[in-house]
Amino acid sequence: MYIFIIFLCGIGNFAMHKAMLESNHPIIAEARGSFRRVLGPYGSYLLEFFMLVAAMVFANMGMLTAVIFYFVYTLANCAAAWVLFFNKH
């Protein structure tokens, strides 16, 4: 069950990640440039993927804290996406 919850959160995280990268917001464009210099053109996706895999590995070991931390991370991504898309000031 833990892995399934993390998997669903991961789908949401990747969807929000893609939407934020395609938004062309100045802050995202600057962050994307920094990631490209350090990790290559898909560096932010790689980082997101490794976080998902790590959370799933820990969840497979029966660690409820992995589910809690990844869920909190997903909520933080939701909050960031909300601010990015709905704050028009």
Protein backbone atom coordinates (compact mmCIF):
# COMPACT_ATOMS: atom_id res chain seq x y z
CA MET A 1 0.00 0.00 0.00
CA TYR A 2 2.87 2.39 0.81
CA ILE A 3 4.37 1.99 -2.66
CA PHE A 4 1.00 2.61 -4.31
CA ILE A 5 0.48 5.85 -2.36
CA ILE A 6 3.97 7.05 -3.26
CA PHE A 7 3.42 6.06 -6.89
CA LEU A 8 0.22 8.14 -7.06
CA CYS A 9 2.00 11.09 -5.43
CA GLY A 10 4.83 10.63 -7.95
CA ILE A 11 2.42 10.88 -10.88
CA GLY A 12 1.13 14.14 -9.44
CA ASN A 13 4.65 15.43 -8.82
CA PHE A 14 5.74 14.72 -12.40
CA ALA A 15 2.58 16.36 -13.79
CA MET A 16 3.10 19.48 -11.66
CA HIS A 17 6.80 19.50 -12.51
CA LYS A 18 6.11 19.42 -16.25
CA ALA A 19 3.40 22.09 -15.99
CA MET A 20 5.72 24.36 -14.02
CA LEU A 21 8.59 23.89 -16.47
CA GLU A 22 6.33 24.66 -19.42
CA SER A 23 4.89 27.77 -17.76
CA ASN A 24 7.85 29.96 -18.83
CA HIS A 25 7.65 31.84 -15.55
CA PRO A 26 10.87 33.89 -15.02
CA ILE A 27 11.73 32.16 -11.73
CA ILE A 28 11.29 28.72 -13.27
CA ALA A 29 13.31 29.71 -16.35
CA GLU A 30 16.18 30.85 -14.13
CA ALA A 31 16.07 27.65 -12.04
CA ARG A 32 15.88 25.52 -15.18
CA GLY A 33 19.00 27.25 -16.50
CA SER A 34 20.87 26.45 -13.30
CA PHE A 35 19.85 22.80 -13.45
CA ARG A 36 20.87 22.54 -17.10
CA ARG A 37 24.36 23.80 -16.34
CA VAL A 38 24.84 21.32 -13.51
CA LEU A 39 22.77 18.25 -14.46
CA GLY A 40 22.06 18.58 -18.17
CA PRO A 41 18.82 19.33 -20.03
CA TYR A 42 16.72 16.80 -18.09
CA GLY A 43 18.39 17.28 -14.71
CA SER A 44 15.29 18.37 -12.84
CA TYR A 45 13.38 15.34 -14.13
CA LEU A 46 16.27 13.10 -13.05
CA LEU A 47 16.22 14.60 -9.58
CA GLU A 48 12.46 14.11 -9.37
CA PHE A 49 12.82 10.50 -10.54
CA PHE A 50 15.56 9.69 -8.02
CA MET A 51 13.47 11.14 -5.20
CA LEU A 52 10.54 8.95 -6.29
CA VAL A 53 12.70 5.83 -6.49
CA ALA A 54 14.29 6.49 -3.11
CA ALA A 55 10.88 7.00 -1.51
CA MET A 56 9.62 3.77 -3.08
CA VAL A 57 12.67 1.82 -1.89
CA PHE A 58 12.22 3.07 1.66
CA ALA A 59 8.48 2.37 1.50
CA ASN A 60 9.24 -1.16 0.30
CA MET A 61 11.33 -1.56 3.45
CA GLY A 62 8.20 -0.75 5.44
CA MET A 63 9.14 2.78 6.45
CA LEU A 64 5.99 4.81 7.00
CA THR A 65 8.13 7.94 7.35
CA ALA A 66 9.04 7.67 3.65
CA VAL A 67 5.36 7.89 2.76
CA ILE A 68 4.84 10.81 5.11
CA PHE A 69 7.86 12.76 3.84
CA TYR A 70 7.02 12.13 0.18
CA PHE A 71 3.41 13.16 0.80
CA VAL A 72 4.60 16.38 2.47
CA TYR A 73 6.93 16.94 -0.51
CA THR A 74 3.93 16.50 -2.83
CA LEU A 75 1.93 19.02 -0.80
CA ALA A 76 4.86 21.48 -1.05
CA ASN A 77 4.88 20.99 -4.83
CA CYS A 78 1.12 21.62 -4.90
CA ALA A 79 1.58 24.83 -2.93
CA ALA A 80 4.36 26.00 -5.25
CA ALA A 81 2.29 25.24 -8.34
CA TRP A 82 -0.71 27.01 -6.81
CA VAL A 83 1.33 30.14 -6.12
CA LEU A 84 2.94 30.05 -9.56
CA PHE A 85 -0.29 29.65 -11.51
CA PHE A 86 -2.80 31.58 -9.43
CA ASN A 87 -0.78 34.49 -8.05
CA LYS A 88 -1.02 37.07 -10.84
CA HIS A 89 0.57 39.99 -9.00
